[in-house]
Each structure stands twice: as structure tokens, then as C-alpha cells.
Protein backbone atom coordinates (compact mmCIF):
# COMPACT_ATOMS: atom_id res chain seq x y z
CA UNK A 1 -50.79 31.78 -9.77
CA UNK A 2 -50.45 30.21 -13.22
CA UNK A 3 -47.99 27.35 -13.66
CA UNK A 4 -46.18 29.12 -16.51
CA UNK A 5 -45.54 32.09 -14.25
CA UNK A 6 -43.63 30.09 -11.65
CA UNK A 7 -41.43 28.04 -13.95
CA UNK A 8 -37.82 28.10 -12.76
CA UNK A 9 -36.31 30.96 -14.83
CA UNK A 10 -32.96 29.19 -15.09
CA UNK A 11 -34.72 26.17 -16.59
CA UNK A 12 -36.50 28.45 -19.07
CA UNK A 13 -33.30 30.26 -20.04
CA UNK A 14 -31.18 27.12 -20.41
CA UNK A 15 -33.89 25.35 -22.41
CA UNK A 16 -34.01 28.33 -24.78
CA UNK A 17 -30.24 28.18 -25.30
CA UNK A 18 -30.29 24.43 -25.92
CA UNK A 19 -33.21 24.77 -28.35
CA UNK A 20 -31.06 27.06 -30.50
CA UNK A 21 -28.14 24.61 -30.60
CA UNK A 22 -27.73 23.32 -34.20
CA UNK A 23 -27.13 19.76 -33.00
CA UNK A 24 -30.29 19.82 -30.88
CA UNK A 25 -32.28 21.22 -33.81
CA UNK A 26 -30.90 18.56 -36.15
CA UNK A 27 -31.93 15.83 -33.73
CA UNK A 28 -35.40 17.33 -33.37
CA UNK A 29 -35.81 17.35 -37.17
CA UNK A 30 -34.58 13.76 -37.42
CA UNK A 31 -37.13 12.65 -34.84
CA UNK A 32 -40.08 14.45 -36.45
CA UNK A 33 -42.54 12.17 -38.18
CA UNK A 34 -41.24 9.03 -36.49
CA UNK A 35 -44.30 6.98 -35.66
CA UNK A 36 -44.45 6.07 -32.00
CA UNK A 37 -45.63 2.72 -30.65
CA UNK A 38 -45.87 3.78 -27.03
CA UNK A 39 -49.63 3.32 -26.72
CA UNK A 40 -49.65 -0.13 -28.28
CA UNK A 41 -46.82 -1.23 -26.01
CA UNK A 42 -48.62 0.09 -22.92
CA UNK A 43 -51.93 -1.52 -23.88
CA UNK A 44 -50.11 -4.84 -24.25
CA UNK A 45 -47.94 -4.71 -21.13
CA UNK A 46 -49.60 -2.40 -18.58
CA UNK A 47 -53.04 -1.68 -17.13
CA UNK A 48 -54.83 1.44 -18.36
CA UNK A 49 -56.35 3.26 -15.41
CA UNK A 50 -59.60 4.67 -16.75
CA UNK A 51 -62.02 6.65 -14.53
CA UNK A 52 -64.03 3.44 -14.13
CA UNK A 53 -60.99 1.44 -13.00
CA UNK A 54 -59.45 4.13 -10.74
CA UNK A 55 -62.02 6.85 -9.94
CA UNK A 56 -60.09 8.26 -6.95
CA UNK A 57 -56.92 8.57 -9.00
CA UNK A 58 -58.78 10.45 -11.71
CA UNK A 59 -60.04 12.95 -9.17
CA UNK A 60 -56.37 13.75 -8.50
CA UNK A 61 -55.63 13.89 -12.21
CA UNK A 62 -58.56 16.23 -12.82
CA UNK A 63 -57.25 18.51 -10.08
CA UNK A 64 -53.78 18.58 -11.63
CA UNK A 65 -55.17 19.17 -15.12
CA UNK A 66 -57.15 22.15 -13.86
CA UNK A 67 -54.34 23.64 -11.77
CA UNK A 68 -51.78 23.32 -14.57
CA UNK A 69 -54.06 24.17 -17.52
CA UNK A 70 -53.25 20.89 -19.26
CA UNK A 71 -55.03 20.73 -22.61
CA UNK A 72 -53.62 17.49 -24.02
CA UNK A 73 -55.54 14.23 -23.70
CA UNK A 74 -54.07 12.05 -20.94
CA UNK A 75 -53.96 8.31 -20.45
CA UNK A 76 -52.66 6.80 -17.22
CA UNK A 77 -51.11 3.35 -16.95
CA UNK A 78 -49.82 1.25 -14.08
CA UNK A 79 -47.21 -1.45 -14.51
CA UNK A 80 -45.62 -4.05 -12.27
CA UNK A 81 -42.36 -2.99 -10.64
CA UNK A 82 -41.06 -3.09 -7.06
CA UNK A 83 -39.51 0.39 -7.27
CA UNK A 84 -41.38 3.63 -6.65
CA UNK A 85 -41.33 5.34 -10.02
CA UNK A 86 -43.42 7.57 -12.25
CA UNK A 87 -43.00 9.08 -15.68
CA UNK A 88 -44.61 11.13 -18.40
CA UNK A 89 -44.03 10.69 -22.12
CA UNK A 90 -43.73 13.26 -24.85
CA UNK A 91 -46.98 13.76 -26.81
CA UNK A 92 -47.79 11.01 -29.30
CA UNK A 93 -50.71 11.32 -31.71
CA UNK A 94 -52.32 13.95 -29.50
CA UNK A 95 -51.98 11.97 -26.26
CA UNK A 96 -49.64 12.08 -23.30
CA UNK A 97 -49.09 8.92 -21.28
CA UNK A 98 -48.53 9.06 -17.52
CA UNK A 99 -46.89 5.96 -16.06
CA UNK A 100 -46.94 4.74 -12.47
CA UNK A 101 -45.47 1.64 -10.89
CA UNK A 102 -47.91 -0.49 -8.92
CA UNK A 103 -45.74 -0.17 -5.81
CA UNK A 104 -45.94 3.63 -5.91
CA UNK A 105 -49.68 3.65 -6.58
CA UNK A 106 -50.31 1.40 -3.58
CA UNK A 107 -47.93 3.12 -1.15
CA UNK A 108 -48.60 6.81 -1.80
CA UNK A 109 -51.55 8.63 -0.25
CA UNK A 110 -53.61 11.34 -1.99
CA UNK A 111 -51.36 14.37 -1.25
CA UNK A 112 -48.26 12.37 -2.17
CA UNK A 113 -49.79 11.12 -5.42
CA UNK A 114 -50.97 14.64 -6.22
CA UNK A 115 -47.42 15.95 -5.96
CA UNK A 116 -45.99 13.12 -8.06
CA UNK A 117 -48.62 13.46 -10.80
CA UNK A 118 -48.30 17.24 -10.79
CA UNK A 119 -44.54 16.89 -11.11
CA UNK A 120 -44.84 14.59 -14.14
CA UNK A 121 -47.38 16.84 -15.82
CA UNK A 122 -45.05 19.74 -15.09
CA UNK A 123 -42.52 18.17 -17.45
CA UNK A 124 -45.27 18.14 -20.09
CA UNK A 125 -46.53 21.70 -19.73
CA UNK A 126 -42.98 23.07 -19.68
CA UNK A 127 -42.20 21.03 -22.83
CA UNK A 128 -39.11 19.47 -21.29
CA UNK A 129 -39.41 16.51 -23.64
CA UNK A 130 -38.91 18.80 -26.64
CA UNK A 131 -35.16 18.70 -26.08
CA UNK A 132 -34.12 15.12 -27.01
CA UNK A 133 -31.08 15.02 -24.76
CA UNK A 134 -31.03 11.24 -24.33
CA UNK A 135 -31.04 10.63 -28.10
CA UNK A 136 -28.50 13.41 -28.60
CA UNK A 137 -26.07 11.93 -26.08
CA UNK A 138 -25.93 8.74 -28.12
CA UNK A 139 -24.95 10.52 -31.32
CA UNK A 140 -21.47 10.76 -32.77
CA UNK A 141 -19.71 14.12 -32.67
CA UNK A 142 -21.96 15.90 -30.18
CA UNK A 143 -20.10 18.77 -28.49
CA UNK A 144 -19.28 17.87 -24.87
CA UNK A 145 -20.37 21.32 -23.73
CA UNK A 146 -23.82 20.58 -25.11
CA UNK A 147 -24.00 17.38 -23.05
CA UNK A 148 -22.78 19.16 -19.91
CA UNK A 149 -25.24 21.99 -20.43
CA UNK A 150 -27.94 19.37 -20.92
CA UNK A 151 -27.16 17.71 -17.58
CA UNK A 152 -27.26 21.07 -15.81
CA UNK A 153 -30.52 21.98 -17.56
CA UNK A 154 -32.18 18.70 -16.57
CA UNK A 155 -31.45 19.43 -12.91
CA UNK A 156 -33.05 22.86 -13.26
CA UNK A 157 -36.00 21.33 -15.13
CA UNK A 158 -36.69 19.05 -12.17
CA UNK A 159 -37.14 22.11 -9.97
CA UNK A 160 -39.76 23.51 -12.34
CA UNK A 161 -41.63 20.20 -12.30
CA UNK A 162 -41.48 20.19 -8.48
CA UNK A 163 -43.14 23.62 -8.45
CA UNK A 164 -45.91 22.31 -10.69
CA UNK A 165 -46.40 19.45 -8.25
CA UNK A 166 -46.65 21.86 -5.34
CA UNK A 167 -49.20 24.00 -7.17
CA UNK A 168 -51.37 20.91 -7.50
CA UNK A 169 -51.04 20.14 -3.77
CA UNK A 170 -51.71 23.64 -2.42
CA UNK A 171 -55.08 24.57 -0.98
CA UNK A 172 -55.81 27.94 0.60
CA UNK A 173 -53.19 28.68 3.26
CA UNK A 174 -51.75 25.17 2.93
CA UNK A 175 -48.85 25.21 0.45
CA UNK A 176 -48.87 21.42 0.18
CA UNK A 177 -45.20 21.18 1.18
CA UNK A 178 -45.90 18.43 3.72
CA UNK A 179 -47.24 16.03 1.08
CA UNK A 180 -44.36 16.86 -1.24
CA UNK A 181 -41.78 16.17 1.45
CA UNK A 182 -43.47 12.88 2.35
CA UNK A 183 -43.27 11.81 -1.29
CA UNK A 184 -39.54 12.62 -1.33
CA UNK A 185 -39.17 10.68 1.93
CA UNK A 186 -40.72 7.58 0.40
CA UNK A 187 -38.88 7.89 -2.90
CA UNK A 188 -35.54 8.25 -1.10
CA UNK A 189 -36.06 5.58 1.53
CA UNK A 190 -38.23 3.06 -0.29
CA UNK A 191 -40.40 2.87 2.83
CA UNK A 192 -44.11 2.32 2.26
CA UNK A 193 -45.34 3.56 5.61
CA UNK A 194 -46.30 7.22 5.74
CA UNK A 195 -43.75 9.18 7.80
CA UNK A 196 -45.00 11.03 10.84
CA UNK A 197 -44.24 14.69 11.64
CA UNK A 198 -41.04 13.78 13.53
CA UNK A 199 -39.75 11.71 10.60
CA UNK A 200 -40.58 14.49 8.14
CA UNK A 201 -38.77 17.01 10.34
CA UNK A 202 -35.74 14.72 10.52
CA UNK A 203 -35.75 14.35 6.75
CA UNK A 204 -35.94 18.12 6.32
CA UNK A 205 -32.95 18.42 8.63
CA UNK A 206 -31.05 16.08 6.31
CA UNK A 207 -30.81 18.86 3.74
CA UNK A 208 -29.14 21.11 6.31
CA UNK A 209 -26.80 18.25 7.21
CA UNK A 210 -25.88 17.84 3.54
CA UNK A 211 -24.87 21.49 3.36
CA UNK A 212 -22.82 21.24 6.52
CA UNK A 213 -21.09 18.21 5.04
CA UNK A 214 -20.40 20.14 1.84
CA UNK A 215 -18.63 22.84 3.80
CA UNK A 216 -15.95 20.33 4.72
CA UNK A 217 -12.82 20.36 2.59
CA UNK A 218 -13.26 16.82 1.27
CA UNK A 219 -16.58 15.54 -0.06
CA UNK A 220 -15.54 11.94 -0.71
CA UNK A 221 -19.10 10.65 -0.84
CA UNK A 222 -20.25 12.78 -3.74
CA UNK A 223 -18.12 11.77 -6.70
CA UNK A 224 -21.24 10.85 -8.71
CA UNK A 225 -22.83 14.31 -8.33
CA UNK A 226 -21.59 15.61 -11.66
CA UNK A 227 -23.42 12.93 -13.67
CA UNK A 228 -26.75 13.35 -11.95
CA UNK A 229 -29.67 14.60 -14.04
CA UNK A 230 -31.67 15.12 -10.84
CA UNK A 231 -30.80 17.31 -7.87
CA UNK A 232 -30.41 15.40 -4.62
CA UNK A 233 -33.73 15.07 -2.82
CA UNK A 234 -32.51 17.23 0.10
CA UNK A 235 -31.48 19.92 -2.41
CA UNK A 236 -34.88 19.74 -4.08
CA UNK A 237 -36.60 20.02 -0.71
CA UNK A 238 -34.53 23.07 0.16
CA UNK A 239 -35.44 24.66 -3.19
CA UNK A 240 -39.11 23.71 -2.86
CA UNK A 241 -39.31 25.06 0.68
CA UNK A 242 -37.99 28.41 -0.56
CA UNK A 243 -40.63 28.39 -3.29
CA UNK A 244 -43.37 27.52 -0.78
CA UNK A 245 -42.46 30.68 1.18
CA UNK A 246 -42.56 32.90 -1.91
CA UNK A 247 -45.16 35.49 -2.80
CA UNK A 248 -46.29 33.18 -5.60
CA UNK A 249 -47.49 30.76 -2.94
CA UNK A 250 -48.94 33.40 -0.63
CA UNK A 251 -45.76 33.90 1.40
CA UNK A 252 -43.65 36.96 2.06
CA UNK A 253 -40.48 36.09 0.16
CA UNK A 254 -40.13 38.01 -3.11
CA UNK A 255 -39.59 35.93 -6.23
CA UNK A 256 -36.18 37.56 -6.69
CA UNK A 257 -35.12 36.42 -3.22
CA UNK A 258 -36.72 33.02 -3.84
CA UNK A 259 -34.73 32.43 -7.01
CA UNK A 260 -31.53 33.52 -5.27
CA UNK A 261 -32.18 30.97 -2.51
CA UNK A 262 -32.98 28.25 -5.03
CA UNK A 263 -29.85 28.77 -7.08
CA UNK A 264 -27.81 28.99 -3.90
CA UNK A 265 -29.07 25.51 -3.08
CA UNK A 266 -28.28 24.27 -6.59
CA UNK A 267 -24.72 25.58 -6.28
CA UNK A 268 -23.98 22.40 -4.36
CA UNK A 269 -24.14 20.42 -7.59
CA UNK A 270 -22.92 22.79 -10.29
CA UNK A 271 -19.34 22.32 -11.55
CA UNK A 272 -17.39 25.26 -12.91
CA UNK A 273 -13.68 24.65 -13.47
CA UNK A 274 -13.97 25.27 -17.23
CA UNK A 275 -14.87 28.93 -16.60
CA UNK A 276 -13.63 29.50 -13.05
CA UNK A 277 -10.76 31.93 -12.56
CA UNK A 278 -8.49 30.30 -9.98
CA UNK A 279 -5.12 28.51 -9.89
CA UNK A 280 -6.86 25.21 -9.25
CA UNK A 281 -9.23 25.63 -12.20
CA UNK A 282 -6.33 26.60 -14.47
CA UNK A 283 -4.40 23.51 -13.33
CA UNK A 284 -7.46 21.37 -14.17
CA UNK A 285 -7.74 22.88 -17.65
CA UNK A 286 -4.03 22.33 -18.36
CA UNK A 287 -4.32 18.71 -17.30
CA UNK A 288 -7.50 18.30 -19.37
CA UNK A 289 -5.63 19.51 -22.47
CA UNK A 290 -2.79 17.01 -22.01
CA UNK A 291 -4.93 14.12 -20.82
CA UNK A 292 -7.51 14.75 -23.54
CA UNK A 293 -4.84 14.36 -26.20
CA UNK A 294 -3.46 11.20 -24.57
CA UNK A 295 -6.92 9.64 -24.28
CA UNK A 296 -7.81 10.58 -27.86
CA UNK A 297 -4.58 9.02 -29.12
CA UNK A 298 -4.82 5.85 -27.05
CA UNK A 299 -6.39 3.93 -29.93
CA UNK A 300 -3.62 5.00 -32.32
CA UNK A 301 -5.38 7.95 -33.94
CA UNK A 302 -6.55 11.36 -32.78
CA UNK A 303 -9.73 12.01 -34.75
CA UNK A 304 -10.99 15.43 -35.82
CA UNK A 305 -14.12 14.78 -33.74
CA UNK A 306 -12.03 14.24 -30.61
CA UNK A 307 -10.06 17.44 -31.23
CA UNK A 308 -13.35 19.28 -31.72
CA UNK A 309 -14.65 17.81 -28.47
CA UNK A 310 -11.60 19.03 -26.57
CA UNK A 311 -11.94 22.47 -28.16
CA UNK A 312 -15.62 22.52 -27.19
CA UNK A 313 -14.62 22.16 -23.56
CA UNK A 314 -11.59 24.46 -23.45
CA UNK A 315 -12.88 27.12 -25.83
CA UNK A 316 -12.17 28.36 -29.31
CA UNK A 317 -8.53 29.01 -30.13
CA UNK A 318 -7.17 26.98 -27.22
CA UNK A 319 -6.71 23.68 -29.04
CA UNK A 320 -4.52 23.33 -32.17
CA UNK A 321 -5.71 21.38 -35.20
CA UNK A 322 -3.16 18.63 -34.53
CA UNK A 323 -2.08 17.15 -31.21
CA UNK A 324 1.02 15.23 -30.13
CA UNK A 325 -0.13 12.69 -27.50
CA UNK A 326 3.39 11.35 -26.91
CA UNK A 327 4.80 14.79 -26.09
CA UNK A 328 1.84 15.71 -23.91
CA UNK A 329 2.10 12.40 -22.03
CA UNK A 330 5.52 13.56 -20.83
CA UNK A 331 4.10 16.62 -19.07
CA UNK A 332 1.18 14.82 -17.48
CA UNK A 333 2.91 13.73 -14.23
CA UNK A 334 3.77 17.34 -13.39
CA UNK A 335 0.24 18.52 -14.23
CA UNK A 336 -1.32 15.69 -12.22
CA UNK A 337 0.76 16.68 -9.20
CA UNK A 338 -0.31 20.31 -9.46
CA UNK A 339 -3.98 19.35 -9.65
CA UNK A 340 -3.59 17.11 -6.59
CA UNK A 341 -1.91 19.99 -4.73
CA UNK A 342 -4.53 22.60 -5.63
CA UNK A 343 -7.85 20.81 -6.17
CA UNK A 344 -9.85 18.81 -3.64
CA UNK A 345 -10.38 15.16 -4.49
CA UNK A 346 -14.13 15.31 -5.23
CA UNK A 347 -13.72 18.16 -7.73
CA UNK A 348 -11.15 16.18 -9.72
CA UNK A 349 -13.95 13.88 -10.80
CA UNK A 350 -15.17 16.58 -13.18
CA UNK A 351 -12.04 16.19 -15.27
CA UNK A 352 -12.55 12.43 -15.55
CA UNK A 353 -16.15 13.01 -16.61
CA UNK A 354 -14.98 15.40 -19.34
CA UNK A 355 -12.36 12.94 -20.60
CA UNK A 356 -15.10 10.36 -21.16
CA UNK A 357 -16.94 12.89 -23.32
CA UNK A 358 -13.83 13.35 -25.45
CA UNK A 359 -13.41 9.58 -25.80
CA UNK A 360 -17.06 9.19 -26.83
CA UNK A 361 -16.92 11.99 -29.41
CA UNK A 362 -16.07 9.68 -32.33
CA UNK A 363 -18.93 7.31 -31.60
CA UNK A 364 -17.49 4.89 -29.05
CA UNK A 365 -14.89 4.31 -26.37
CA UNK A 366 -12.03 1.99 -27.25
CA UNK A 367 -10.79 -0.30 -24.46
CA UNK A 368 -7.40 1.42 -24.67
CA UNK A 369 -9.06 4.79 -24.11
CA UNK A 370 -10.99 3.36 -21.17
CA UNK A 371 -7.74 2.02 -19.68
CA UNK A 372 -6.04 5.44 -19.88
CA UNK A 373 -9.01 7.17 -18.25
CA UNK A 374 -9.19 4.63 -15.44
CA UNK A 375 -5.44 4.87 -14.86
CA UNK A 376 -5.60 8.66 -14.59
CA UNK A 377 -8.63 8.39 -12.33
CA UNK A 378 -6.66 6.22 -9.94
CA UNK A 379 -3.84 8.77 -9.81
CA UNK A 380 -6.33 11.53 -9.03
CA UNK A 381 -8.12 9.55 -6.32
CA UNK A 382 -11.32 9.08 -8.33
CA UNK A 383 -13.22 5.81 -7.99
CA UNK A 384 -12.59 3.60 -11.07
CA UNK A 385 -16.29 2.69 -11.13
CA UNK A 386 -17.07 6.34 -11.89
CA UNK A 387 -15.29 6.02 -15.24
CA UNK A 388 -17.57 3.18 -16.31
CA UNK A 389 -20.67 5.04 -15.11
CA UNK A 390 -19.65 8.16 -17.02
CA UNK A 391 -19.02 6.17 -20.20
CA UNK A 392 -22.36 4.38 -20.00
CA UNK A 393 -24.29 7.45 -18.89
CA UNK A 394 -27.63 8.38 -20.48
CA UNK A 395 -29.65 11.51 -19.70
CA UNK A 396 -33.31 11.10 -18.87
CA UNK A 397 -36.26 12.86 -17.35
CA UNK A 398 -38.73 11.05 -15.13
């Protein structure tokens, strides 16, 4: 099965939509022709792993290149860092650079490294780096919906890269899932020792435990979910296991059923109050309108960019050209109470996240805007630290 044939269709569809966004296209044009210094920096600060330096590693790389039909020249570098981490750059002067930390290179065995390297090259073959989401998020006036769509797309992109990693690991009747799960185990735990079958089984069970936990009314431990550019490891394992059982990998599960299972798993992380038709979602939108105006006016002026950001979230025709923060501040207590009555605490964090996007729309967040957001967060039961994380957030692939 070719790698392009098993790309997560939701990733493909969302990437296509983002690629047509005028702001994304403008950023792509602005970045064209910019000379990169990645190679020089790596040659100066990291060790290049040539076939002579790391012959066993290059056997893995050759396998991944063949399985994924990679045509671009690759260079692999290792750098000093205590964390397990890996990355792949966008093409630069006809080369792609694969980066590994020394700790990961030393602690991961051949199947685990194969999955990690296949995953990183998956980002390359699926052209995930073509959408400059990190640079876009730092620009003034970017529509909040574009940023939110970008976060959701990045999570779907990770699933595609995981499938590429599994394709590199598979051999005959062996889907390679065991090596993939062991790599997730090490990445999640930081443990260097290879987990045994019982530990792997326990880790697999953790995904089921996560879903049981999610079925509870309150999910107090997951207020940071909505900022994540990566699915939780247990979610990724659940999605990858479904893929390993698909017809694409020699199993019996149709691809239609596979994709349904995968997106069912991803439903754990996908917010939806902006489109959802329910009393709770409507209460959230009404509070967002009032709170958005109050946050925008906290620095003494409601800018056109902030109004546009609010309209981007709530939809065309739902936000007037001028806002009265003082009048809307008067209705906020009633709207806060209704949200508290109808919406579970963890879901309220989505509104705080969206308010930070409105505050950032004009290029920065004033301390007075930050204060208003933190104050509202406290009233809604959202951790104040989440506000700071949301404001400082940047979107990246690994």
C-alpha cells in the first residue's frame, strides 16, 4: 500500500481548505525566496550522522525512504538534549533535515526508531510544512477561525504521520504496531528501558481508561486539550490500532470503518460550541459576544481587527460594526451564570481560548485585556494559568 493512499482523509481535506485561505496564501508568498540557514546552523551545533558515522541508522532511513517513496535528499543530525525528541524540517535548497536528540537515539531500539523516523518523514511526504501555521499565528489580524482550524488540522496531520511510521515498521503479517506503541510508551514516560509485553498492554489499556474518564460529567484534568497541536498519545494509539486492523494493512476492517473509528477517537479532543445546536452552546456564544467586546475594549479602544476577529468566530452578520463594551459588561453576570448552569467546567475553557484570540487580533495582548480574561476565567472555573498558555501559544509540528 502506497503512503499517499493511506493519508488520513480528514488531514488531506483540512489541509486543502487551509491552503485556499487568503491569509495562508499571503504568508506562503511572503516566505518564498527567504534564504534558510538551517544547514549551516546544524553543521555548527549538531553532529551530522552520515552512513559512515551511523551505518545502522542509515539502514533504517533507507527502509523508510523506500517504503514512503521519498525522493528528496536527506541529512540526519543528532544534537544534545535530555528529552526524547525528533523533527523534520521543510525542504531547504533541495534537502530535508531530520533531527534527533542524543537521548532518543540512544534509548530507542530499531523498531522504535523506524516508527519515529517514518513519522517525521510522513510530515515531509504529506507536505505538512507547506502550511506555515506557526508564522501565521504570530501575524496581526489573522482570523481566529483560521487559527482554530489550524490547531485541529495539526492534530489530524499527526495521525497521517503515524500511519507513515507504521508503514515503515510493518513486515509481512507483522503490522509493526508493537514497536510504535513502545515508542509512544517511551515518549510519554521518559523511561529509557524497553517496556515488556505486560507494560505495553497496560499502556494500551490507558487509552480505554482515558475514554472511560471522558464519559464522566466533569473532565477537570483536561483543560489544556483545546490548545494541543498533537492528539494525546492514548488517542493516537487508539487511532493507530484501528489503522493496523484495516484492509490497507492486511486486516479485515474496511477503510470506511477504519476512518469512522479514527474520527470517533479524535472526537475526544474536538471542540464544537461555535457550530453546535444546543442551549449550552448558544449560552457560550452569547457570553463570547459580550465578553469579546469587554476584552477588546479593556485597553480603551475596540479596534476593527478585534471586531473582525469576533465576527470570524461567531459568523457573518452576527457582530455589528461598532460595539459598546460598557453596556455589554452589564449583561455579563447573567450570561456567566447561564453558562455555568448549562456547560460543564472543562468545556468552558474553549471560550477563554477564543477570547485570547480576539485579544491577540490587533498584534498583542494588553495587560488590561489579560486581566479581564483571567478574571472571567476565574468566574468560569478555568485555571488562570491556561490564559497565559493560550496567549503565549505557538503551533508547531514535530
